[in-house]
N, C-alpha and C. Protein backbone atom coordinates (compact mmCIF):
# COMPACT_ATOMS: atom_id res chain seq x y z
N MET A 1 329.96 92.67 82.27
CA MET A 1 329.69 92.60 83.71
C MET A 1 330.54 93.62 84.21
N GLU A 2 329.55 94.83 85.82
CA GLU A 2 330.78 95.53 86.20
C GLU A 2 332.00 95.27 87.03
N ASP A 3 333.37 96.04 86.28
CA ASP A 3 334.42 96.27 86.96
C ASP A 3 335.19 94.79 85.50
N GLU A 4 334.46 94.70 84.69
CA GLU A 4 335.10 93.11 84.15
C GLU A 4 336.14 93.55 83.07
N LYS A 5 337.58 93.25 83.02
CA LYS A 5 338.87 93.88 82.91
C LYS A 5 338.72 92.92 81.03
N GLY A 6 338.51 93.84 79.77
CA GLY A 6 339.03 93.31 78.72
C GLY A 6 340.21 92.12 78.65
N ILE A 7 339.67 91.63 77.40
CA ILE A 7 340.54 90.61 76.94
C ILE A 7 341.63 91.15 75.78
N LEU A 8 342.97 90.55 75.94
CA LEU A 8 343.88 90.97 74.70
C LEU A 8 344.00 89.58 73.91
N PHE A 9 343.22 89.83 72.96
CA PHE A 9 343.94 89.02 71.56
C PHE A 9 345.19 88.76 70.76
N ILE A 10 345.74 88.02 70.59
CA ILE A 10 346.72 88.38 69.81
C ILE A 10 346.59 87.03 67.86
N LEU A 11 346.94 88.19 67.50
CA LEU A 11 346.56 87.04 65.92
C LEU A 11 347.85 87.26 65.69
N SER A 12 348.80 86.08 65.62
CA SER A 12 349.46 86.09 64.52
C SER A 12 349.89 84.52 63.41
N GLY A 13 351.19 84.82 63.10
CA GLY A 13 351.49 83.80 61.81
C GLY A 13 352.32 84.33 61.01
N PRO A 14 352.54 83.80 59.95
CA PRO A 14 353.59 83.51 58.60
C PRO A 14 353.49 85.19 58.19
N SER A 15 354.09 85.75 57.77
CA SER A 15 353.66 86.96 56.32
C SER A 15 353.15 86.12 54.95
N GLY A 16 351.90 86.94 55.16
CA GLY A 16 351.31 86.52 53.84
C GLY A 16 349.78 85.27 53.90
N VAL A 17 350.21 85.24 55.25
CA VAL A 17 349.20 83.88 55.85
C VAL A 17 347.54 84.74 55.43
N GLY A 18 347.61 85.84 55.57
CA GLY A 18 346.21 86.96 55.18
C GLY A 18 346.21 87.16 56.91
N LYS A 19 347.05 87.56 57.26
CA LYS A 19 346.61 88.42 59.01
C LYS A 19 345.49 89.68 59.08
N GLY A 20 346.39 90.75 58.09
CA GLY A 20 345.12 91.39 57.52
C GLY A 20 343.79 91.32 56.88
N THR A 21 344.06 90.81 55.91
CA THR A 21 342.38 90.47 55.56
C THR A 21 341.47 89.56 56.51
N VAL A 22 342.22 89.03 57.71
CA VAL A 22 341.22 87.92 58.28
C VAL A 22 340.87 88.95 59.75
N ARG A 23 341.72 89.81 59.70
CA ARG A 23 341.33 91.10 61.06
C ARG A 23 340.36 92.21 60.56
N LYS A 24 340.72 92.71 59.26
CA LYS A 24 339.32 93.95 58.40
C LYS A 24 338.16 92.78 58.85
N ALA A 25 337.85 91.46 58.32
CA ALA A 25 336.84 91.34 58.11
C ALA A 25 336.14 90.56 59.85
N LEU A 26 336.80 90.38 60.17
CA LEU A 26 336.34 90.42 61.51
C LEU A 26 335.65 91.57 62.14
N PHE A 27 336.49 92.45 61.67
CA PHE A 27 335.80 93.72 62.58
C PHE A 27 334.68 94.18 62.00
N GLU A 28 334.76 93.93 60.60
CA GLU A 28 333.19 94.39 60.10
C GLU A 28 332.20 93.76 60.84
N GLN A 29 332.30 92.49 61.29
CA GLN A 29 331.36 91.49 61.91
C GLN A 29 331.15 91.41 63.21
N ASP A 30 332.36 92.31 63.74
CA ASP A 30 332.06 92.77 65.74
C ASP A 30 333.11 93.91 65.83
N PRO A 31 332.41 94.95 65.30
CA PRO A 31 332.36 96.28 66.12
C PRO A 31 332.85 96.82 67.36
N ALA A 32 332.88 96.16 68.28
CA ALA A 32 332.69 95.58 69.49
C ALA A 32 334.39 96.01 69.60
N LEU A 33 334.70 94.99 68.94
CA LEU A 33 336.73 95.05 69.17
C LEU A 33 337.63 95.78 68.86
N GLN A 34 338.79 96.26 69.58
CA GLN A 34 339.11 97.52 69.19
C GLN A 34 340.47 97.19 68.89
N TYR A 35 340.99 97.49 67.90
CA TYR A 35 342.27 96.63 67.25
C TYR A 35 343.46 98.69 67.35
N SER A 36 344.56 97.22 68.19
CA SER A 36 345.90 98.59 68.59
C SER A 36 346.41 98.65 67.01
N ILE A 37 346.50 99.58 66.85
CA ILE A 37 347.23 99.76 65.28
C ILE A 37 348.55 99.70 65.63
N SER A 38 349.56 99.10 65.03
CA SER A 38 350.61 98.75 65.10
C SER A 38 351.54 99.98 64.30
N VAL A 39 352.94 100.06 64.71
CA VAL A 39 353.63 100.95 63.96
C VAL A 39 355.26 99.83 63.48
N THR A 40 355.45 100.58 61.95
CA THR A 40 355.89 100.19 61.50
C THR A 40 356.86 100.97 60.93
N THR A 41 358.51 100.44 60.21
CA THR A 41 359.28 101.58 59.60
C THR A 41 358.48 101.25 58.04
N ARG A 42 358.24 99.88 57.69
CA ARG A 42 357.68 99.92 56.20
C ARG A 42 356.79 100.30 55.52
N LYS A 43 357.13 100.54 54.41
CA LYS A 43 356.94 101.87 53.09
C LYS A 43 355.11 100.61 53.13
N PRO A 44 353.97 101.79 52.87
CA PRO A 44 352.66 101.65 52.43
C PRO A 44 352.29 100.85 51.37
N ARG A 45 351.75 99.15 51.42
CA ARG A 45 351.29 98.73 50.64
C ARG A 45 350.08 99.52 50.21
N VAL A 46 349.69 99.62 48.23
CA VAL A 46 348.86 99.99 48.25
C VAL A 46 347.25 99.92 49.25
N GLY A 47 346.99 100.68 48.91
CA GLY A 47 345.71 100.83 49.39
C GLY A 47 345.68 100.38 51.37
N GLU A 48 346.68 100.81 51.88
CA GLU A 48 347.00 101.27 53.17
C GLU A 48 346.81 102.66 53.48
N THR A 49 346.86 102.71 54.51
CA THR A 49 346.51 104.38 55.19
C THR A 49 346.76 104.25 56.55
N ASN A 50 347.79 105.44 56.39
CA ASN A 50 348.37 106.12 57.79
C ASN A 50 347.46 105.96 58.92
N GLY A 51 347.95 105.45 60.14
CA GLY A 51 346.97 105.85 61.67
C GLY A 51 345.64 104.99 61.25
N VAL A 52 345.30 104.14 60.23
CA VAL A 52 344.31 103.17 60.33
C VAL A 52 344.25 101.65 60.20
N ASP A 53 345.64 101.50 59.26
CA ASP A 53 346.53 99.84 59.06
C ASP A 53 348.05 99.77 60.16
N TYR A 54 348.14 101.22 59.51
CA TYR A 54 349.85 100.87 60.49
C TYR A 54 349.84 102.40 61.16
N PHE A 55 350.91 102.98 61.93
CA PHE A 55 351.68 103.95 61.94
C PHE A 55 353.29 104.23 61.50
N PHE A 56 353.21 104.30 60.08
CA PHE A 56 354.16 104.80 59.25
C PHE A 56 355.14 105.49 59.83
N LYS A 57 356.27 105.41 60.46
CA LYS A 57 356.77 106.09 60.85
C LYS A 57 358.54 105.47 60.46
N SER A 58 359.92 106.29 60.52
CA SER A 58 361.52 106.63 60.49
C SER A 58 361.93 104.84 61.03
N LYS A 59 362.89 104.99 60.91
CA LYS A 59 363.39 103.85 61.89
C LYS A 59 363.95 104.73 62.73
N GLU A 60 364.50 106.30 63.05
CA GLU A 60 365.08 106.74 63.79
C GLU A 60 363.54 107.45 65.22
N GLU A 61 362.27 107.13 64.44
CA GLU A 61 360.66 107.85 65.67
C GLU A 61 360.81 106.43 65.93
N VAL A 62 361.02 105.08 65.40
CA VAL A 62 360.54 104.14 66.11
C VAL A 62 361.77 103.18 67.50
N GLU A 63 362.79 103.81 66.96
CA GLU A 63 364.13 103.67 67.94
C GLU A 63 363.91 104.54 69.48
N GLU A 64 363.51 105.32 69.06
CA GLU A 64 363.30 106.59 70.06
C GLU A 64 361.94 105.42 71.36
N MET A 65 360.92 105.31 70.08
CA MET A 65 360.07 104.62 71.15
C MET A 65 360.17 104.13 71.98
N ILE A 66 361.45 102.95 71.27
CA ILE A 66 361.61 101.53 72.03
C ILE A 66 362.47 102.35 73.26
N GLU A 67 363.52 103.08 73.02
CA GLU A 67 364.00 103.46 73.71
C GLU A 67 363.22 104.40 75.41
N GLN A 68 362.46 104.74 74.44
CA GLN A 68 361.53 105.97 75.85
C GLN A 68 360.29 104.05 76.76
N ASN A 69 360.48 103.15 76.45
CA ASN A 69 359.61 102.05 76.91
C ASN A 69 358.39 101.96 76.16
N GLU A 70 358.01 102.85 74.84
CA GLU A 70 356.67 103.20 74.76
C GLU A 70 356.11 101.82 74.16
N LEU A 71 356.55 101.03 73.68
CA LEU A 71 355.95 99.75 73.25
C LEU A 71 355.71 98.73 73.89
N ILE A 72 354.78 98.09 73.92
CA ILE A 72 354.45 96.43 74.23
C ILE A 72 355.69 95.36 73.93
N GLU A 73 355.70 95.67 72.54
CA GLU A 73 356.34 94.74 71.87
C GLU A 73 357.07 95.51 70.74
N TYR A 74 358.27 94.80 69.99
CA TYR A 74 358.64 95.22 68.83
C TYR A 74 359.58 94.59 68.61
N ALA A 75 359.76 94.24 66.66
CA ALA A 75 360.25 93.76 66.44
C ALA A 75 361.10 94.05 65.20
N GLU A 76 361.68 93.39 64.35
CA GLU A 76 362.72 93.66 63.58
C GLU A 76 362.17 92.34 62.33
N TYR A 77 361.76 92.64 61.61
CA TYR A 77 362.17 91.35 60.84
C TYR A 77 361.96 91.96 58.98
N VAL A 78 362.19 91.76 58.60
CA VAL A 78 363.10 91.47 57.14
C VAL A 78 363.62 93.14 56.98
N GLY A 79 363.93 93.71 57.64
CA GLY A 79 364.74 94.85 57.51
C GLY A 79 364.31 96.27 58.27
N ASN A 80 363.05 95.84 58.74
CA ASN A 80 362.05 96.74 59.24
C ASN A 80 361.67 96.14 61.11
N TYR A 81 360.98 97.64 61.40
CA TYR A 81 360.64 97.35 62.60
C TYR A 81 359.02 97.20 62.39
N TYR A 82 358.11 96.57 63.70
CA TYR A 82 357.04 96.82 64.02
C TYR A 82 357.08 96.47 65.28
N GLY A 83 355.85 97.47 65.90
CA GLY A 83 355.81 97.49 66.98
C GLY A 83 354.47 97.75 67.65
N THR A 84 354.05 97.82 68.72
CA THR A 84 353.05 97.72 69.31
C THR A 84 352.85 98.96 70.70
N PRO A 85 352.12 100.58 70.53
CA PRO A 85 352.09 101.18 71.54
C PRO A 85 351.30 100.72 72.57
N LYS A 86 352.31 100.83 73.69
CA LYS A 86 351.57 100.55 75.12
C LYS A 86 350.63 100.78 75.63
N ALA A 87 350.42 102.57 75.73
CA ALA A 87 349.10 103.11 76.37
C ALA A 87 348.34 102.29 76.47
N TYR A 88 347.76 102.42 74.92
CA TYR A 88 346.82 102.40 74.47
C TYR A 88 345.93 101.14 74.60
N VAL A 89 347.13 99.77 74.85
CA VAL A 89 346.69 98.19 75.20
C VAL A 89 346.05 98.49 76.34
N GLU A 90 346.94 99.34 77.49
CA GLU A 90 346.59 99.00 78.82
C GLU A 90 344.81 99.75 79.16
N GLU A 91 344.68 101.15 78.56
CA GLU A 91 343.55 101.84 78.75
C GLU A 91 342.40 101.38 78.14
N THR A 92 342.70 100.58 77.00
CA THR A 92 341.34 99.93 76.93
C THR A 92 341.14 98.74 77.70
N LEU A 93 341.90 98.07 78.01
CA LEU A 93 342.10 97.03 78.94
C LEU A 93 340.97 97.21 80.01
N LYS A 94 341.78 98.14 80.66
CA LYS A 94 341.16 98.77 82.14
C LYS A 94 339.91 99.24 81.35
N ALA A 95 339.31 99.49 80.38
CA ALA A 95 337.80 100.22 80.30
C ALA A 95 336.98 98.92 80.00
N GLY A 96 337.57 97.51 80.02
CA GLY A 96 336.80 96.82 79.55
C GLY A 96 336.23 96.08 78.69
N LYS A 97 336.98 96.95 77.71
CA LYS A 97 337.00 96.19 75.90
C LYS A 97 338.09 95.87 75.54
N ASP A 98 338.10 94.79 74.92
CA ASP A 98 338.83 93.57 73.81
C ASP A 98 339.84 94.08 73.24
N VAL A 99 341.11 94.24 73.25
CA VAL A 99 341.87 94.36 72.34
C VAL A 99 342.73 92.96 71.79
N PHE A 100 342.27 93.56 70.10
CA PHE A 100 343.31 92.80 69.21
C PHE A 100 344.73 93.05 68.50
N LEU A 101 345.36 92.66 68.61
CA LEU A 101 346.85 92.65 67.62
C LEU A 101 346.52 91.61 67.17
N GLU A 102 347.13 92.40 65.73
CA GLU A 102 347.68 91.55 64.27
C GLU A 102 349.38 91.95 64.35
N ILE A 103 349.99 91.16 64.89
CA ILE A 103 351.34 90.88 64.55
C ILE A 103 352.46 90.31 64.39
N GLU A 104 353.30 90.37 64.16
CA GLU A 104 354.39 89.04 63.59
C GLU A 104 354.28 87.96 64.92
N VAL A 105 355.09 86.95 64.63
CA VAL A 105 355.19 86.06 65.26
C VAL A 105 356.19 86.62 66.73
N GLN A 106 357.67 87.37 66.09
CA GLN A 106 358.43 87.25 66.91
C GLN A 106 357.88 88.80 68.08
N GLY A 107 356.87 89.39 67.99
CA GLY A 107 356.18 90.58 68.44
C GLY A 107 355.75 89.75 69.83
N ALA A 108 354.41 88.76 68.85
CA ALA A 108 353.69 87.87 70.41
C ALA A 108 354.40 87.37 71.08
N MET A 109 355.59 86.83 70.78
CA MET A 109 356.44 86.26 71.83
C MET A 109 357.01 86.98 72.68
N GLN A 110 357.07 88.59 72.55
CA GLN A 110 357.55 89.47 73.48
C GLN A 110 355.92 89.59 74.84
N VAL A 111 354.67 89.82 73.83
CA VAL A 111 353.63 89.86 74.49
C VAL A 111 352.96 89.23 75.50
N LYS A 112 353.77 87.74 74.81
CA LYS A 112 353.42 86.97 76.14
C LYS A 112 354.74 87.06 76.93
N LYS A 113 355.32 87.15 76.99
CA LYS A 113 355.98 87.82 78.04
C LYS A 113 355.93 88.95 79.25
N ASN A 114 354.83 89.90 78.77
CA ASN A 114 354.04 91.02 79.34
C ASN A 114 353.15 90.88 79.79
N PHE A 115 352.28 90.20 78.72
CA PHE A 115 350.72 90.12 79.23
C PHE A 115 350.99 88.06 78.88
N PRO A 116 351.14 87.55 79.88
CA PRO A 116 350.68 85.97 79.87
C PRO A 116 349.18 85.57 79.88
N GLU A 117 348.37 86.34 80.32
CA GLU A 117 346.47 86.18 80.32
C GLU A 117 346.61 86.38 79.02
N GLY A 118 347.29 87.55 77.70
CA GLY A 118 346.44 87.33 76.52
C GLY A 118 346.47 86.03 75.98
N VAL A 119 345.53 85.95 75.24
CA VAL A 119 344.69 84.84 74.31
C VAL A 119 345.84 84.71 72.92
N PHE A 120 346.68 83.73 72.45
CA PHE A 120 347.46 83.96 71.52
C PHE A 120 346.63 82.73 70.76
N ILE A 121 346.53 83.47 69.23
CA ILE A 121 345.75 83.03 68.07
C ILE A 121 347.26 82.85 66.91
N PHE A 122 347.12 81.43 66.18
CA PHE A 122 347.76 81.57 65.24
C PHE A 122 347.16 81.13 64.36
N LEU A 123 347.74 82.19 63.65
CA LEU A 123 346.53 81.90 61.71
C LEU A 123 347.60 81.22 60.64
N PHE A 124 347.24 80.15 60.56
CA PHE A 124 347.98 78.50 59.85
C PHE A 124 347.50 79.10 58.12
N PRO A 125 348.82 79.06 57.25
CA PRO A 125 347.92 78.31 55.81
C PRO A 125 347.32 77.08 55.40
N PRO A 126 346.84 77.11 54.71
CA PRO A 126 346.63 75.94 54.36
C PRO A 126 347.88 74.56 53.60
N SER A 127 348.62 75.34 53.06
CA SER A 127 349.67 75.32 52.93
C SER A 127 351.27 75.83 52.80
N LEU A 128 352.41 75.54 52.35
CA LEU A 128 353.10 76.22 52.46
C LEU A 128 353.35 76.79 50.59
N GLU A 129 353.24 75.84 50.14
CA GLU A 129 352.69 76.11 48.65
C GLU A 129 352.27 77.25 48.66
N GLU A 130 350.54 76.81 49.10
CA GLU A 130 350.00 77.81 48.93
C GLU A 130 350.22 79.74 49.84
N LEU A 131 351.02 79.23 51.20
CA LEU A 131 351.44 80.74 51.29
C LEU A 131 352.63 81.54 50.22
N LYS A 132 353.18 80.45 49.46
CA LYS A 132 354.48 81.04 48.41
C LYS A 132 353.50 82.17 47.27
N ASN A 133 352.61 81.45 47.17
CA ASN A 133 351.52 81.60 45.79
C ASN A 133 351.25 83.36 46.74
N ARG A 134 350.71 83.30 47.99
CA ARG A 134 350.33 84.53 48.23
C ARG A 134 350.63 85.84 48.34
N ILE A 135 352.42 85.25 48.72
CA ILE A 135 353.36 86.42 49.03
C ILE A 135 353.75 86.88 46.90
N ILE A 136 354.08 85.86 46.51
CA ILE A 136 354.04 86.21 45.27
C ILE A 136 352.77 87.28 44.34
N ASP A 137 351.48 86.82 45.26
CA ASP A 137 350.46 87.83 43.85
C ASP A 137 350.63 88.84 44.79
N ARG A 138 351.10 89.18 45.81
CA ARG A 138 351.15 90.52 46.43
C ARG A 138 352.17 91.77 45.45
N GLY A 139 352.79 91.07 44.36
CA GLY A 139 353.29 91.72 43.85
C GLY A 139 354.34 92.51 44.07
N THR A 140 354.66 93.16 45.45
CA THR A 140 355.69 93.86 46.28
C THR A 140 356.65 92.92 46.14
N GLU A 141 357.06 92.14 46.21
CA GLU A 141 357.98 90.96 46.80
C GLU A 141 358.87 90.41 45.33
N THR A 142 360.28 91.16 46.08
CA THR A 142 361.47 90.18 44.85
C THR A 142 361.60 88.44 45.44
N GLU A 143 361.83 87.90 43.95
CA GLU A 143 361.96 87.04 44.54
C GLU A 143 363.18 86.45 45.54
N ASN A 144 364.20 86.74 45.78
CA ASN A 144 364.73 86.82 46.80
C ASN A 144 364.31 87.04 48.11
N LEU A 145 363.17 87.73 48.26
CA LEU A 145 362.46 88.75 49.50
C LEU A 145 361.52 87.39 49.67
N VAL A 146 360.90 86.51 48.58
CA VAL A 146 360.01 85.27 48.61
C VAL A 146 360.55 84.85 49.25
N LYS A 147 361.72 83.77 49.13
CA LYS A 147 362.73 82.71 49.69
C LYS A 147 362.82 83.14 51.25
N ASN A 148 363.45 84.68 51.41
CA ASN A 148 363.76 85.36 52.77
C ASN A 148 361.98 84.88 53.79
N ARG A 149 361.01 85.21 53.53
CA ARG A 149 359.97 84.96 53.66
C ARG A 149 359.05 83.51 53.71
N LEU A 150 359.61 82.67 53.03
CA LEU A 150 359.32 81.25 53.02
C LEU A 150 360.25 80.52 54.50
N LEU A 151 361.34 81.06 54.36
CA LEU A 151 361.89 80.65 55.19
C LEU A 151 361.88 80.79 56.67
N GLU A 152 361.67 81.88 56.66
CA GLU A 152 361.57 82.84 58.46
C GLU A 152 359.96 82.02 58.30
N ALA A 153 358.97 81.50 57.24
CA ALA A 153 358.03 81.25 57.77
C ALA A 153 357.60 79.72 58.45
N LYS A 154 358.79 78.94 57.79
CA LYS A 154 358.64 77.92 58.84
C LYS A 154 359.81 77.93 59.89
N LYS A 155 360.17 78.56 60.13
CA LYS A 155 360.73 78.33 61.61
C LYS A 155 359.11 79.40 62.54
N GLU A 156 358.49 79.99 62.51
CA GLU A 156 357.94 80.57 62.85
C GLU A 156 356.32 79.14 62.88
N ILE A 157 356.15 78.66 61.91
CA ILE A 157 355.73 77.35 62.13
C ILE A 157 355.82 76.29 63.24
N ASP A 158 357.09 76.33 63.64
CA ASP A 158 357.77 75.66 64.61
C ASP A 158 357.44 75.97 65.61
N MET A 159 356.78 77.42 66.09
CA MET A 159 356.40 77.59 66.98
C MET A 159 354.91 77.81 67.59
N MET A 160 354.49 77.02 66.60
CA MET A 160 353.25 77.28 67.40
C MET A 160 352.72 76.70 68.70
N ASP A 161 353.34 75.65 68.93
CA ASP A 161 353.19 75.21 70.26
C ASP A 161 352.86 76.12 71.42
N GLU A 162 353.55 77.40 71.16
CA GLU A 162 353.60 78.17 71.94
C GLU A 162 352.44 78.81 72.23
N TYR A 163 350.97 79.19 71.07
CA TYR A 163 350.35 79.85 71.04
C TYR A 163 348.72 78.46 71.58
N ASP A 164 347.77 79.10 72.06
CA ASP A 164 346.54 78.86 72.47
C ASP A 164 345.73 78.36 71.51
N TYR A 165 345.56 78.89 70.07
CA TYR A 165 344.49 78.02 69.52
C TYR A 165 345.00 78.32 68.08
N VAL A 166 345.43 77.48 67.14
CA VAL A 166 345.42 77.68 65.99
C VAL A 166 344.00 77.75 64.37
N VAL A 167 344.23 78.68 64.08
CA VAL A 167 343.14 78.62 63.12
C VAL A 167 344.09 78.61 61.74
N VAL A 168 343.27 77.35 60.97
CA VAL A 168 343.57 77.42 59.17
C VAL A 168 343.27 78.18 58.54
N ASN A 169 344.10 79.15 57.84
CA ASN A 169 343.34 80.28 57.13
C ASN A 169 342.71 79.70 55.64
N ASP A 170 342.28 78.88 55.17
CA ASP A 170 342.13 78.26 53.86
C ASP A 170 340.29 79.35 53.20
N GLN A 171 339.75 79.38 54.19
CA GLN A 171 338.50 80.51 53.74
C GLN A 171 338.10 81.88 54.80
N VAL A 172 338.47 83.23 54.40
CA VAL A 172 338.61 84.19 54.99
C VAL A 172 337.59 83.79 55.93
N LYS A 173 336.24 83.77 55.34
CA LYS A 173 334.67 83.78 56.43
C LYS A 173 334.99 82.48 57.36
N LYS A 174 335.59 81.52 56.91
CA LYS A 174 335.60 80.57 58.02
C LYS A 174 336.70 80.88 58.99
N ALA A 175 337.21 81.32 58.67
CA ALA A 175 338.78 81.61 59.67
C ALA A 175 337.75 82.79 60.63
N VAL A 176 337.37 83.32 60.34
CA VAL A 176 336.78 84.96 61.02
C VAL A 176 335.73 83.94 62.34
N SER A 177 334.73 82.83 61.48
CA SER A 177 334.60 82.41 61.87
C SER A 177 334.84 82.15 63.30
N ARG A 178 335.97 80.97 62.79
CA ARG A 178 336.39 80.05 64.33
C ARG A 178 337.01 81.13 65.32
N ILE A 179 337.93 82.34 64.75
CA ILE A 179 338.15 83.28 65.70
C ILE A 179 336.81 83.86 66.61
N GLN A 180 335.88 84.24 66.47
CA GLN A 180 334.48 84.47 66.70
C GLN A 180 334.22 83.71 68.04
N SER A 181 334.17 82.02 67.40
CA SER A 181 333.99 81.47 68.70
C SER A 181 335.03 81.53 69.95
N ILE A 182 336.07 81.68 69.38
CA ILE A 182 337.19 81.83 70.57
C ILE A 182 337.26 83.19 71.47
N VAL A 183 336.90 84.16 70.62
CA VAL A 183 336.35 85.10 71.64
C VAL A 183 335.23 84.51 72.55
N VAL A 184 334.30 84.29 71.94
CA VAL A 184 333.00 83.92 72.79
C VAL A 184 333.20 82.86 74.24
N SER A 185 334.44 81.74 73.70
CA SER A 185 334.70 80.94 74.47
C SER A 185 335.64 81.18 75.60
N GLU A 186 336.43 82.24 75.20
CA GLU A 186 336.90 83.14 76.20
C GLU A 186 336.22 83.77 77.27
N HIS A 187 335.30 84.62 76.70
CA HIS A 187 334.48 85.11 77.67
C HIS A 187 333.58 84.62 78.71
N CYS A 188 333.44 82.82 78.67
CA CYS A 188 332.52 82.08 79.35
C CYS A 188 333.63 81.39 79.97
N LYS A 189 335.00 81.57 80.18
CA LYS A 189 335.43 80.36 81.25
C LYS A 189 335.45 81.12 82.64
N ARG A 190 335.81 79.63 83.06
CA ARG A 190 335.04 79.57 84.14
C ARG A 190 335.82 80.73 85.07
N GLU A 191 337.30 80.57 84.71
CA GLU A 191 337.99 81.56 85.91
C GLU A 191 337.72 82.94 85.85
N ARG A 192 337.48 83.76 84.34
CA ARG A 192 337.13 84.75 84.23
C ARG A 192 335.52 85.43 84.92
N VAL A 193 334.64 84.45 84.53
CA VAL A 193 333.31 84.56 85.20
C VAL A 193 333.39 84.23 86.66
N SER A 194 334.07 83.65 87.00
CA SER A 194 333.87 83.45 88.75
C SER A 194 334.33 84.52 89.50
N LYS A 195 335.93 85.06 88.75
CA LYS A 195 336.16 86.18 89.61
C LYS A 195 335.31 87.51 89.27
N GLN A 196 334.38 87.60 88.69
CA GLN A 196 334.15 88.40 88.56
C GLN A 196 332.68 88.26 89.72
N TYR A 197 331.56 87.52 89.26
CA TYR A 197 331.20 87.36 90.65
C TYR A 197 330.97 87.51 91.93
N LYS A 198 332.28 86.56 92.30
CA LYS A 198 332.98 87.07 93.42
C LYS A 198 333.21 88.35 93.68
N LYS A 199 333.16 89.27 93.12
CA LYS A 199 333.75 90.65 93.50
C LYS A 199 332.14 91.15 93.53
N ALA A 200 331.63 90.66 92.45
CA ALA A 200 329.90 91.44 92.69
C ALA A 200 329.36 90.78 94.02
N LEU A 201 329.62 89.48 94.30
CA LEU A 201 328.76 89.05 96.03
C LEU A 201 329.44 89.42 97.09
N GLY A 202 330.63 89.93 96.96
CA GLY A 202 331.32 90.97 97.94
C GLY A 202 330.42 91.90 98.23
N ARG A 203 330.05 92.39 97.66
CA ARG A 203 329.56 93.81 97.39
C ARG A 203 327.71 93.91 97.93
N VAL A 204 327.15 92.28 98.17
CA VAL A 204 325.90 92.44 98.70
C VAL A 204 325.65 92.09 100.19
N ASP A 205 325.20 92.99 100.48
CA ASP A 205 325.21 92.61 102.14
C ASP A 205 323.51 91.19 102.28
N LEU A 206 324.31 90.64 102.73
CA LEU A 206 323.47 89.11 103.27
C LEU A 206 322.66 89.41 104.67
């Protein structure tokens, strides 16, 4: 609809829950969504590409972005910075396109303060045991780091009440389908639709 602003969707959840896998599968089915690539100071994992999965930057570079207020959110997680560039998000929403953020829980809470109109989706693991197995299966974490991530995951799960929706990632295909339903539902909300129609009717000469 004319003048319709895009919706900001925020997908977050514990490390190892499968946020990246679900997001990639979602975008394969719905290319109209715009993905806001985050910056991070962590090292790339196998198969990850700079400028596609993340913008991989040094700690000094990210701290400069924070100082210049160029990030809509940022967090330091297990010794690394993660953040979302502000300009891309604002410009894309203004152009009427939906933006999808895949970020850590700490970052999602910052976005909620800056963009309370965003739609917040918590990706939930089938169980903590399954979450532990997924982290171990990465093959990139030490035993101590696995423990730290699980302790952090328990704290993050306690923050679930801050979200609008909860999606259990028991199977990627099912999780994607649930998120697609959320996107459609949000676009059909009365307050979104009525606002646009009232604008349109205001321009009509009766």
